[in-house]
Amino acid sequence: MPDLRSESRAGKLIYLVEDDIHLAEHLTAHLEQHHYEVEVFTELGALPEAIAHRRPAVCLVDLM
């Protein structure tokens, strides 16, 4: 059975994968103004390990 306490803490966590640091900073600032916690990754390969440690509410991934 999943640990619901850890799920609720991650309710406002967003993982953002973006290699353009300026865009990542802009998006992070906007999301934080709306009370989201944002963790930025510059490489998609880092995402699985991060998810294994803490599950986000959503992952925003720049594929281009």
C-alpha atoms as a PDB file:
ATOM      1  CA  MET A   1       0.000   0.000   0.000  1.00  0.00           C
ATOM      2  CA  PRO A   2       1.400   3.462  -0.897  1.00  0.00           C
ATOM      3  CA  ASP A   3       2.471   5.854   1.821  1.00  0.00           C
ATOM      4  CA  LEU A   4      -0.241   8.519   1.546  1.00  0.00           C
ATOM      5  CA  ARG A   5       1.668  10.941   3.766  1.00  0.00           C
ATOM      6  CA  SER A   6       4.488  11.126   1.223  1.00  0.00           C
ATOM      7  CA  GLU A   7       1.926  11.539  -1.594  1.00  0.00           C
ATOM      8  CA  SER A   8       0.249  14.476   0.145  1.00  0.00           C
ATOM      9  CA  ARG A   9       3.564  16.248   0.730  1.00  0.00           C
ATOM     10  CA  ALA A  10       4.266  15.959  -3.001  1.00  0.00           C
ATOM     11  CA  GLY A  11       0.876  17.402  -3.923  1.00  0.00           C
ATOM     12  CA  LYS A  12       2.383  20.715  -5.002  1.00  0.00           C
ATOM     13  CA  LEU A  13       5.768  19.478  -6.193  1.00  0.00           C
ATOM     14  CA  ILE A  14       6.589  19.938  -9.874  1.00  0.00           C
ATOM     15  CA  TYR A  15       9.644  18.508 -11.612  1.00  0.00           C
ATOM     16  CA  LEU A  16      10.685  20.667 -14.547  1.00  0.00           C
ATOM     17  CA  VAL A  17      13.085  19.335 -17.190  1.00  0.00           C
ATOM     18  CA  GLU A  18      14.400  22.287 -19.180  1.00  0.00           C
ATOM     19  CA  ASP A  19      17.859  22.866 -20.659  1.00  0.00           C
ATOM     20  CA  ASP A  20      17.308  26.592 -21.230  1.00  0.00           C
ATOM     21  CA  ILE A  21      18.220  28.041 -17.841  1.00  0.00           C
ATOM     22  CA  HIS A  22      16.506  31.377 -18.508  1.00  0.00           C
ATOM     23  CA  LEU A  23      13.219  29.703 -19.403  1.00  0.00           C
ATOM     24  CA  ALA A  24      13.543  27.394 -16.393  1.00  0.00           C
ATOM     25  CA  GLU A  25      14.055  30.393 -14.102  1.00  0.00           C
ATOM     26  CA  HIS A  26      11.035  32.181 -15.591  1.00  0.00           C
ATOM     27  CA  LEU A  27       8.769  29.138 -15.267  1.00  0.00           C
ATOM     28  CA  THR A  28      10.005  28.421 -11.753  1.00  0.00           C
ATOM     29  CA  ALA A  29       9.333  31.983 -10.607  1.00  0.00           C
ATOM     30  CA  HIS A  30       5.815  31.897 -12.050  1.00  0.00           C
ATOM     31  CA  LEU A  31       4.979  28.527 -10.505  1.00  0.00           C
ATOM     32  CA  GLU A  32       6.416  29.502  -7.125  1.00  0.00           C
ATOM     33  CA  GLN A  33       4.195  32.612  -7.116  1.00  0.00           C
ATOM     34  CA  HIS A  34       1.303  30.142  -7.214  1.00  0.00           C
ATOM     35  CA  HIS A  35       2.724  28.222  -4.242  1.00  0.00           C
ATOM     36  CA  TYR A  36       4.220  25.287  -6.144  1.00  0.00           C
ATOM     37  CA  GLU A  37       7.531  23.767  -5.197  1.00  0.00           C
ATOM     38  CA  VAL A  38       9.649  23.363  -8.334  1.00  0.00           C
ATOM     39  CA  GLU A  39      12.745  21.252  -8.857  1.00  0.00           C
ATOM     40  CA  VAL A  40      14.606  21.871 -12.116  1.00  0.00           C
ATOM     41  CA  PHE A  41      16.583  19.285 -14.064  1.00  0.00           C
ATOM     42  CA  THR A  42      18.661  20.107 -17.120  1.00  0.00           C
ATOM     43  CA  GLU A  43      18.782  16.479 -18.284  1.00  0.00           C
ATOM     44  CA  LEU A  44      15.945  13.978 -18.615  1.00  0.00           C
ATOM     45  CA  GLY A  45      18.203  11.178 -17.355  1.00  0.00           C
ATOM     46  CA  ALA A  46      18.132  12.594 -13.815  1.00  0.00           C
ATOM     47  CA  LEU A  47      14.352  12.348 -13.560  1.00  0.00           C
ATOM     48  CA  PRO A  48      13.863   8.610 -12.752  1.00  0.00           C
ATOM     49  CA  GLU A  49      16.136   8.729  -9.708  1.00  0.00           C
ATOM     50  CA  ALA A  50      14.445  11.885  -8.428  1.00  0.00           C
ATOM     51  CA  ILE A  51      11.004  10.294  -8.851  1.00  0.00           C
ATOM     52  CA  ALA A  52      12.210   7.225  -6.953  1.00  0.00           C
ATOM     53  CA  HIS A  53      13.084   9.447  -3.976  1.00  0.00           C
ATOM     54  CA  ARG A  54      10.134  11.840  -4.096  1.00  0.00           C
ATOM     55  CA  ARG A  55       7.084  11.602  -6.284  1.00  0.00           C
ATOM     56  CA  PRO A  56       5.929  14.895  -7.831  1.00  0.00           C
ATOM     57  CA  ALA A  57       2.382  15.896  -8.680  1.00  0.00           C
ATOM     58  CA  VAL A  58       3.499  16.470 -12.275  1.00  0.00           C
ATOM     59  CA  CYS A  59       6.591  16.466 -14.493  1.00  0.00           C
ATOM     60  CA  LEU A  60       6.954  19.164 -17.140  1.00  0.00           C
ATOM     61  CA  VAL A  61       9.403  18.014 -19.810  1.00  0.00           C
ATOM     62  CA  ASP A  62      10.871  19.996 -22.695  1.00  0.00           C
ATOM     63  CA  LEU A  63      11.407  17.444 -25.464  1.00  0.00           C
ATOM     64  CA  MET A  64      12.819  19.722 -28.142  1.00  0.00           C
END
